[in-house]
Amino acid sequence: MSEFEITFDGRPVRVTAGQTVGAALVAVGIRSWRRTRVAGRPRGLFCGIGVCFDCLVTVNDRPGLRACLVEARPGDVVRSDHAT
């Protein structure tokens, strides 16, 4: 299998070719990358098929993308909504 690297909030993440951004994050133990607006509850991959909007991330400066639908590409820069 071919592997490459993306960054998530400045942290390197190894990705297996064909994985979505959401799958890659979960594979390295990152379970939450967004918080709800009202209660601040953690959110990440929930449905995994693009129905909900719990897994929103910014990829290469494109905000509001569902991590479960975006296939990771070499060099992608992924940010959570609470990145510094």
N, C-alpha and C. Protein backbone atom coordinates (compact mmCIF):
# COMPACT_ATOMS: atom_id res chain seq x y z
N MET A 1 0.83 -1.19 0.00
CA MET A 1 0.00 0.00 0.00
C MET A 1 0.87 1.25 0.00
N SER A 2 0.45 2.23 -0.73
CA SER A 2 1.16 3.50 -0.81
C SER A 2 0.75 4.39 0.37
N GLU A 3 1.73 5.03 0.99
CA GLU A 3 1.46 5.94 2.09
C GLU A 3 2.05 7.31 1.79
N PHE A 4 1.47 8.32 2.42
CA PHE A 4 1.97 9.68 2.30
C PHE A 4 1.56 10.43 3.56
N GLU A 5 1.86 11.71 3.59
CA GLU A 5 1.61 12.50 4.79
C GLU A 5 0.76 13.72 4.49
N ILE A 6 -0.14 14.03 5.44
CA ILE A 6 -0.88 15.28 5.45
C ILE A 6 -0.57 15.93 6.80
N THR A 7 -1.00 17.17 6.99
CA THR A 7 -0.89 17.77 8.31
C THR A 7 -2.27 18.07 8.84
N PHE A 8 -2.44 17.90 10.14
CA PHE A 8 -3.69 18.22 10.82
C PHE A 8 -3.36 19.14 12.00
N ASP A 9 -3.82 20.38 11.92
CA ASP A 9 -3.50 21.38 12.94
C ASP A 9 -2.00 21.42 13.19
N GLY A 10 -1.21 21.31 12.14
CA GLY A 10 0.23 21.39 12.22
C GLY A 10 0.93 20.09 12.56
N ARG A 11 0.18 19.06 12.84
CA ARG A 11 0.74 17.75 13.22
C ARG A 11 0.78 16.83 12.00
N PRO A 12 1.90 16.16 11.75
CA PRO A 12 1.94 15.22 10.62
C PRO A 12 1.07 13.99 10.87
N VAL A 13 0.36 13.58 9.84
CA VAL A 13 -0.50 12.39 9.90
C VAL A 13 -0.20 11.51 8.70
N ARG A 14 0.14 10.25 8.96
CA ARG A 14 0.37 9.27 7.89
C ARG A 14 -0.97 8.81 7.34
N VAL A 15 -1.04 8.70 6.03
CA VAL A 15 -2.27 8.33 5.34
C VAL A 15 -1.98 7.19 4.38
N THR A 16 -2.88 6.24 4.32
CA THR A 16 -2.82 5.19 3.31
C THR A 16 -3.61 5.68 2.10
N ALA A 17 -3.04 5.57 0.92
CA ALA A 17 -3.71 6.02 -0.30
C ALA A 17 -5.14 5.48 -0.35
N GLY A 18 -6.07 6.35 -0.69
CA GLY A 18 -7.47 5.97 -0.80
C GLY A 18 -8.29 6.32 0.44
N GLN A 19 -7.64 6.66 1.54
CA GLN A 19 -8.37 7.02 2.75
C GLN A 19 -8.94 8.43 2.64
N THR A 20 -10.09 8.62 3.26
CA THR A 20 -10.61 9.96 3.40
C THR A 20 -9.85 10.65 4.53
N VAL A 21 -10.00 11.96 4.59
CA VAL A 21 -9.38 12.71 5.68
C VAL A 21 -9.90 12.18 7.02
N GLY A 22 -11.20 11.96 7.11
CA GLY A 22 -11.79 11.45 8.36
C GLY A 22 -11.24 10.09 8.75
N ALA A 23 -11.12 9.19 7.81
CA ALA A 23 -10.58 7.85 8.09
C ALA A 23 -9.12 7.95 8.55
N ALA A 24 -8.36 8.82 7.93
CA ALA A 24 -6.95 8.98 8.30
C ALA A 24 -6.83 9.52 9.73
N LEU A 25 -7.66 10.48 10.09
CA LEU A 25 -7.61 11.03 11.44
C LEU A 25 -7.99 9.98 12.48
N VAL A 26 -9.05 9.25 12.23
CA VAL A 26 -9.46 8.20 13.17
C VAL A 26 -8.40 7.12 13.28
N ALA A 27 -7.75 6.79 12.17
CA ALA A 27 -6.72 5.75 12.17
C ALA A 27 -5.54 6.08 13.08
N VAL A 28 -5.27 7.37 13.28
CA VAL A 28 -4.16 7.75 14.16
C VAL A 28 -4.65 8.17 15.54
N GLY A 29 -5.92 7.91 15.82
CA GLY A 29 -6.45 8.15 17.16
C GLY A 29 -7.07 9.50 17.41
N ILE A 30 -7.23 10.30 16.37
CA ILE A 30 -7.89 11.60 16.53
C ILE A 30 -9.39 11.38 16.36
N ARG A 31 -10.14 11.57 17.41
CA ARG A 31 -11.57 11.27 17.39
C ARG A 31 -12.46 12.51 17.30
N SER A 32 -11.92 13.66 17.65
CA SER A 32 -12.72 14.88 17.65
C SER A 32 -11.92 16.02 17.05
N TRP A 33 -12.56 16.79 16.18
CA TRP A 33 -11.87 17.94 15.59
C TRP A 33 -12.79 19.12 15.38
N ARG A 34 -13.94 19.07 16.00
CA ARG A 34 -14.90 20.18 15.92
C ARG A 34 -15.70 20.20 17.20
N ARG A 35 -16.25 21.35 17.56
CA ARG A 35 -17.12 21.45 18.74
C ARG A 35 -18.44 22.10 18.32
N THR A 36 -19.52 21.68 18.97
CA THR A 36 -20.82 22.27 18.67
C THR A 36 -20.82 23.73 19.09
N ARG A 37 -21.60 24.54 18.41
CA ARG A 37 -21.62 25.98 18.67
C ARG A 37 -22.20 26.32 20.04
N VAL A 38 -23.27 25.67 20.42
CA VAL A 38 -23.96 26.06 21.65
C VAL A 38 -23.31 25.44 22.89
N ALA A 39 -23.18 24.14 22.93
CA ALA A 39 -22.70 23.46 24.14
C ALA A 39 -21.21 23.15 24.12
N GLY A 40 -20.56 23.33 22.98
CA GLY A 40 -19.13 23.05 22.90
C GLY A 40 -18.79 21.57 22.98
N ARG A 41 -19.72 20.72 22.61
CA ARG A 41 -19.48 19.28 22.66
C ARG A 41 -18.58 18.83 21.50
N PRO A 42 -17.68 17.88 21.77
CA PRO A 42 -16.77 17.42 20.71
C PRO A 42 -17.49 16.64 19.62
N ARG A 43 -17.03 16.85 18.40
CA ARG A 43 -17.58 16.14 17.25
C ARG A 43 -16.44 15.68 16.36
N GLY A 44 -16.69 14.62 15.62
CA GLY A 44 -15.74 14.08 14.66
C GLY A 44 -16.52 13.24 13.67
N LEU A 45 -15.98 12.09 13.34
CA LEU A 45 -16.64 11.19 12.40
C LEU A 45 -17.85 10.55 13.07
N PHE A 46 -19.04 10.75 12.54
CA PHE A 46 -20.25 10.17 13.11
C PHE A 46 -20.87 9.18 12.15
N CYS A 47 -21.45 9.66 11.06
CA CYS A 47 -22.11 8.73 10.13
C CYS A 47 -21.11 8.10 9.17
N GLY A 48 -20.08 8.84 8.80
CA GLY A 48 -19.05 8.32 7.90
C GLY A 48 -19.46 8.21 6.45
N ILE A 49 -20.66 8.69 6.10
CA ILE A 49 -21.12 8.56 4.72
C ILE A 49 -21.63 9.87 4.12
N GLY A 50 -21.38 10.98 4.81
CA GLY A 50 -21.74 12.29 4.26
C GLY A 50 -23.15 12.75 4.52
N VAL A 51 -23.88 12.08 5.39
CA VAL A 51 -25.25 12.49 5.68
C VAL A 51 -25.29 13.62 6.71
N CYS A 52 -24.50 13.48 7.76
CA CYS A 52 -24.48 14.51 8.80
C CYS A 52 -23.37 15.52 8.50
N PHE A 53 -23.22 16.48 9.37
CA PHE A 53 -22.17 17.49 9.20
C PHE A 53 -21.29 17.58 10.44
N ASP A 54 -21.15 16.48 11.17
CA ASP A 54 -20.35 16.49 12.39
C ASP A 54 -18.85 16.53 12.12
N CYS A 55 -18.40 16.15 10.95
CA CYS A 55 -16.96 16.00 10.70
C CYS A 55 -16.35 17.14 9.89
N LEU A 56 -16.92 18.32 9.98
CA LEU A 56 -16.43 19.44 9.16
C LEU A 56 -14.99 19.83 9.50
N VAL A 57 -14.22 20.06 8.45
CA VAL A 57 -12.83 20.50 8.57
C VAL A 57 -12.55 21.53 7.47
N THR A 58 -11.40 22.15 7.57
CA THR A 58 -10.89 23.01 6.50
C THR A 58 -9.72 22.27 5.85
N VAL A 59 -9.79 22.10 4.54
CA VAL A 59 -8.72 21.41 3.81
C VAL A 59 -8.17 22.38 2.77
N ASN A 60 -6.87 22.66 2.89
CA ASN A 60 -6.20 23.57 1.95
C ASN A 60 -6.96 24.89 1.81
N ASP A 61 -7.35 25.45 2.97
CA ASP A 61 -8.06 26.73 3.06
C ASP A 61 -9.48 26.70 2.52
N ARG A 62 -10.04 25.52 2.30
CA ARG A 62 -11.45 25.39 1.90
C ARG A 62 -12.24 24.93 3.12
N PRO A 63 -12.98 25.84 3.77
CA PRO A 63 -13.69 25.50 5.01
C PRO A 63 -14.98 24.72 4.75
N GLY A 64 -15.48 24.09 5.82
CA GLY A 64 -16.79 23.46 5.78
C GLY A 64 -16.87 22.17 4.98
N LEU A 65 -15.76 21.46 4.83
CA LEU A 65 -15.76 20.20 4.08
C LEU A 65 -15.99 19.03 5.03
N ARG A 66 -16.76 18.06 4.58
CA ARG A 66 -17.00 16.87 5.39
C ARG A 66 -15.81 15.93 5.22
N ALA A 67 -15.12 15.68 6.34
CA ALA A 67 -13.90 14.87 6.34
C ALA A 67 -14.15 13.45 5.85
N CYS A 68 -15.38 12.97 6.00
CA CYS A 68 -15.69 11.60 5.57
C CYS A 68 -15.83 11.48 4.06
N LEU A 69 -15.92 12.61 3.35
CA LEU A 69 -16.10 12.57 1.90
C LEU A 69 -14.87 13.03 1.12
N VAL A 70 -13.94 13.70 1.78
CA VAL A 70 -12.77 14.25 1.10
C VAL A 70 -11.63 13.24 1.13
N GLU A 71 -11.23 12.77 -0.04
CA GLU A 71 -10.10 11.86 -0.10
C GLU A 71 -8.82 12.64 0.17
N ALA A 72 -8.03 12.13 1.10
CA ALA A 72 -6.77 12.78 1.44
C ALA A 72 -5.80 12.71 0.26
N ARG A 73 -5.08 13.79 0.07
CA ARG A 73 -4.07 13.89 -0.99
C ARG A 73 -2.74 14.26 -0.36
N PRO A 74 -1.64 13.82 -0.95
CA PRO A 74 -0.33 14.16 -0.39
C PRO A 74 -0.17 15.66 -0.18
N GLY A 75 0.29 16.02 1.02
CA GLY A 75 0.54 17.42 1.33
C GLY A 75 -0.66 18.23 1.77
N ASP A 76 -1.85 17.62 1.84
CA ASP A 76 -3.03 18.37 2.30
C ASP A 76 -2.76 19.00 3.66
N VAL A 77 -3.28 20.21 3.83
CA VAL A 77 -3.22 20.90 5.11
C VAL A 77 -4.64 20.94 5.64
N VAL A 78 -4.88 20.21 6.72
CA VAL A 78 -6.20 20.07 7.30
C VAL A 78 -6.21 20.79 8.64
N ARG A 79 -7.27 21.58 8.87
CA ARG A 79 -7.42 22.30 10.14
C ARG A 79 -8.77 22.02 10.75
N SER A 80 -8.76 21.92 12.06
CA SER A 80 -10.02 21.79 12.80
C SER A 80 -10.61 23.18 12.98
N ASP A 81 -11.82 23.25 13.52
CA ASP A 81 -12.40 24.56 13.77
C ASP A 81 -11.83 25.21 15.01
N HIS A 82 -11.05 24.47 15.80
CA HIS A 82 -10.44 25.06 16.99
C HIS A 82 -8.91 25.06 16.91
N ALA A 83 -8.40 25.13 15.68
CA ALA A 83 -6.95 25.24 15.49
C ALA A 83 -6.48 26.62 15.94
N THR A 84 -5.27 26.65 16.44
CA THR A 84 -4.74 27.94 16.86
C THR A 84 -3.98 28.59 15.73
